[in-house]
Amino acid sequence: PEFGLFVRVNESHRFVRDILGARRHNADLIKTIDLLFFSLAKAEYTLVYKHKKGINELEEIMAEFRENVGTELSNLLRSMADNRIELFGKSETD
């Protein structure tokens, strides 16, 4: 936190690989997703590092939350792929 707020994106995650990767030339979509990621990170930072008590417990809760969000997102995308549901219509590479 002393160097500012950084957002690390797991480029091997199914969402980044399958959804964003196929639409990497859609600057508006990428910018929107970047803003979403940044707002989530800023909210986490505010909760964990500006909270008066229990930093270790809050860090553990947020780590579990991030893991759960990633898992649920992967499960939803897998389910959509299994059922041939298109999220944004055909990708730019189709």
C-alpha atoms as a PDB file:
ATOM      1  CA  PRO A   1       0.000   0.000   0.000  1.00  0.00           C
ATOM      2  CA  GLU A   2       2.867   2.446   0.515  1.00  0.00           C
ATOM      3  CA  PHE A   3       3.546   2.537  -3.264  1.00  0.00           C
ATOM      4  CA  GLY A   4      -0.060   3.097  -4.329  1.00  0.00           C
ATOM      5  CA  LEU A   5      -2.737   0.727  -5.475  1.00  0.00           C
ATOM      6  CA  PHE A   6      -1.850  -1.964  -8.018  1.00  0.00           C
ATOM      7  CA  VAL A   7      -4.229  -4.477  -9.564  1.00  0.00           C
ATOM      8  CA  ARG A   8      -2.804  -7.840 -10.594  1.00  0.00           C
ATOM      9  CA  VAL A   9      -4.866  -9.682 -13.188  1.00  0.00           C
ATOM     10  CA  ASN A  10      -4.459 -13.438 -13.488  1.00  0.00           C
ATOM     11  CA  GLU A  11      -4.023 -13.769 -17.251  1.00  0.00           C
ATOM     12  CA  SER A  12      -4.452 -17.534 -17.083  1.00  0.00           C
ATOM     13  CA  HIS A  13      -7.942 -17.216 -15.529  1.00  0.00           C
ATOM     14  CA  ARG A  14     -10.697 -18.477 -17.813  1.00  0.00           C
ATOM     15  CA  PHE A  15     -12.437 -15.057 -17.872  1.00  0.00           C
ATOM     16  CA  VAL A  16      -9.342 -13.174 -18.995  1.00  0.00           C
ATOM     17  CA  ARG A  17      -8.275 -15.900 -21.409  1.00  0.00           C
ATOM     18  CA  ASP A  18     -11.611 -16.754 -23.025  1.00  0.00           C
ATOM     19  CA  ILE A  19     -13.679 -13.575 -22.740  1.00  0.00           C
ATOM     20  CA  LEU A  20     -11.248 -10.676 -22.693  1.00  0.00           C
ATOM     21  CA  GLY A  21      -8.578 -12.346 -24.809  1.00  0.00           C
ATOM     22  CA  ALA A  22     -10.989 -12.819 -27.707  1.00  0.00           C
ATOM     23  CA  ARG A  23     -12.082  -9.175 -27.394  1.00  0.00           C
ATOM     24  CA  ARG A  24      -8.733  -7.515 -26.712  1.00  0.00           C
ATOM     25  CA  HIS A  25      -9.282  -5.107 -29.624  1.00  0.00           C
ATOM     26  CA  ASN A  26     -12.506  -3.798 -28.067  1.00  0.00           C
ATOM     27  CA  ALA A  27     -10.967  -0.879 -26.162  1.00  0.00           C
ATOM     28  CA  ASP A  28     -14.247   0.227 -24.579  1.00  0.00           C
ATOM     29  CA  LEU A  29     -14.929  -3.226 -23.145  1.00  0.00           C
ATOM     30  CA  ILE A  30     -11.365  -3.611 -21.843  1.00  0.00           C
ATOM     31  CA  LYS A  31     -11.490  -0.145 -20.250  1.00  0.00           C
ATOM     32  CA  THR A  32     -14.823  -0.979 -18.589  1.00  0.00           C
ATOM     33  CA  ILE A  33     -13.487  -4.250 -17.171  1.00  0.00           C
ATOM     34  CA  ASP A  34     -10.314  -2.472 -16.013  1.00  0.00           C
ATOM     35  CA  LEU A  35     -12.458   0.064 -14.145  1.00  0.00           C
ATOM     36  CA  LEU A  36     -14.439  -2.742 -12.548  1.00  0.00           C
ATOM     37  CA  PHE A  37     -11.259  -4.517 -11.410  1.00  0.00           C
ATOM     38  CA  PHE A  38      -9.808  -1.261 -10.078  1.00  0.00           C
ATOM     39  CA  SER A  39     -12.974  -0.366  -8.168  1.00  0.00           C
ATOM     40  CA  LEU A  40     -13.019  -3.824  -6.554  1.00  0.00           C
ATOM     41  CA  ALA A  41      -9.366  -3.453  -5.575  1.00  0.00           C
ATOM     42  CA  LYS A  42      -9.906   0.027  -4.163  1.00  0.00           C
ATOM     43  CA  ALA A  43     -12.895  -1.151  -2.138  1.00  0.00           C
ATOM     44  CA  GLU A  44     -10.810  -4.043  -0.785  1.00  0.00           C
ATOM     45  CA  TYR A  45      -7.959  -1.694   0.095  1.00  0.00           C
ATOM     46  CA  THR A  46     -10.333   0.637   1.931  1.00  0.00           C
ATOM     47  CA  LEU A  47     -11.887  -2.229   3.853  1.00  0.00           C
ATOM     48  CA  VAL A  48      -8.670  -3.999   4.828  1.00  0.00           C
ATOM     49  CA  TYR A  49      -6.047  -1.294   5.264  1.00  0.00           C
ATOM     50  CA  LYS A  50      -8.128   1.589   6.566  1.00  0.00           C
ATOM     51  CA  HIS A  51     -10.129  -0.486   9.007  1.00  0.00           C
ATOM     52  CA  LYS A  52      -9.259   0.078  12.645  1.00  0.00           C
ATOM     53  CA  LYS A  53      -9.161  -3.520  13.845  1.00  0.00           C
ATOM     54  CA  GLY A  54      -8.409  -7.038  12.754  1.00  0.00           C
ATOM     55  CA  ILE A  55      -6.231  -6.458   9.659  1.00  0.00           C
ATOM     56  CA  ASN A  56      -5.067 -10.088   9.577  1.00  0.00           C
ATOM     57  CA  GLU A  57      -8.616 -11.388   9.804  1.00  0.00           C
ATOM     58  CA  LEU A  58      -9.809  -8.963   7.112  1.00  0.00           C
ATOM     59  CA  GLU A  59      -6.930  -9.958   4.814  1.00  0.00           C
ATOM     60  CA  GLU A  60      -7.920 -13.618   5.215  1.00  0.00           C
ATOM     61  CA  ILE A  61     -11.579 -12.838   4.520  1.00  0.00           C
ATOM     62  CA  MET A  62     -10.720 -10.836   1.389  1.00  0.00           C
ATOM     63  CA  ALA A  63      -8.345 -13.537   0.132  1.00  0.00           C
ATOM     64  CA  GLU A  64     -11.141 -16.078   0.507  1.00  0.00           C
ATOM     65  CA  PHE A  65     -13.582 -13.673  -1.163  1.00  0.00           C
ATOM     66  CA  ARG A  66     -11.269 -13.192  -4.179  1.00  0.00           C
ATOM     67  CA  GLU A  67     -10.819 -16.952  -4.495  1.00  0.00           C
ATOM     68  CA  ASN A  68     -14.588 -17.499  -4.331  1.00  0.00           C
ATOM     69  CA  VAL A  69     -15.291 -14.802  -6.930  1.00  0.00           C
ATOM     70  CA  GLY A  70     -12.728 -16.312  -9.312  1.00  0.00           C
ATOM     71  CA  THR A  71     -14.101 -19.813  -8.807  1.00  0.00           C
ATOM     72  CA  GLU A  72     -17.718 -18.731  -9.305  1.00  0.00           C
ATOM     73  CA  LEU A  73     -16.809 -16.749 -12.425  1.00  0.00           C
ATOM     74  CA  SER A  74     -14.986 -19.761 -13.863  1.00  0.00           C
ATOM     75  CA  ASN A  75     -17.918 -22.045 -13.041  1.00  0.00           C
ATOM     76  CA  LEU A  76     -20.394 -19.693 -14.725  1.00  0.00           C
ATOM     77  CA  LEU A  77     -18.243 -19.409 -17.836  1.00  0.00           C
ATOM     78  CA  ARG A  78     -17.769 -23.187 -17.959  1.00  0.00           C
ATOM     79  CA  SER A  79     -21.512 -23.695 -17.635  1.00  0.00           C
ATOM     80  CA  MET A  80     -22.170 -21.181 -20.390  1.00  0.00           C
ATOM     81  CA  ALA A  81     -19.655 -22.914 -22.662  1.00  0.00           C
ATOM     82  CA  ASP A  82     -21.144 -26.334 -21.894  1.00  0.00           C
ATOM     83  CA  ASN A  83     -24.600 -25.025 -22.782  1.00  0.00           C
ATOM     84  CA  ARG A  84     -23.314 -23.055 -25.775  1.00  0.00           C
ATOM     85  CA  ILE A  85     -24.501 -19.727 -24.357  1.00  0.00           C
ATOM     86  CA  GLU A  86     -22.775 -16.669 -25.833  1.00  0.00           C
ATOM     87  CA  LEU A  87     -22.080 -13.857 -23.369  1.00  0.00           C
ATOM     88  CA  PHE A  88     -21.405 -11.072 -25.872  1.00  0.00           C
ATOM     89  CA  GLY A  89     -22.437 -12.771 -29.091  1.00  0.00           C
ATOM     90  CA  LYS A  90     -19.740 -14.013 -31.410  1.00  0.00           C
ATOM     91  CA  SER A  91     -16.200 -13.065 -30.506  1.00  0.00           C
ATOM     92  CA  GLU A  92     -14.162 -10.885 -32.818  1.00  0.00           C
ATOM     93  CA  THR A  93     -12.086 -13.917 -33.786  1.00  0.00           C
ATOM     94  CA  ASP A  94     -15.140 -15.974 -34.920  1.00  0.00           C
END
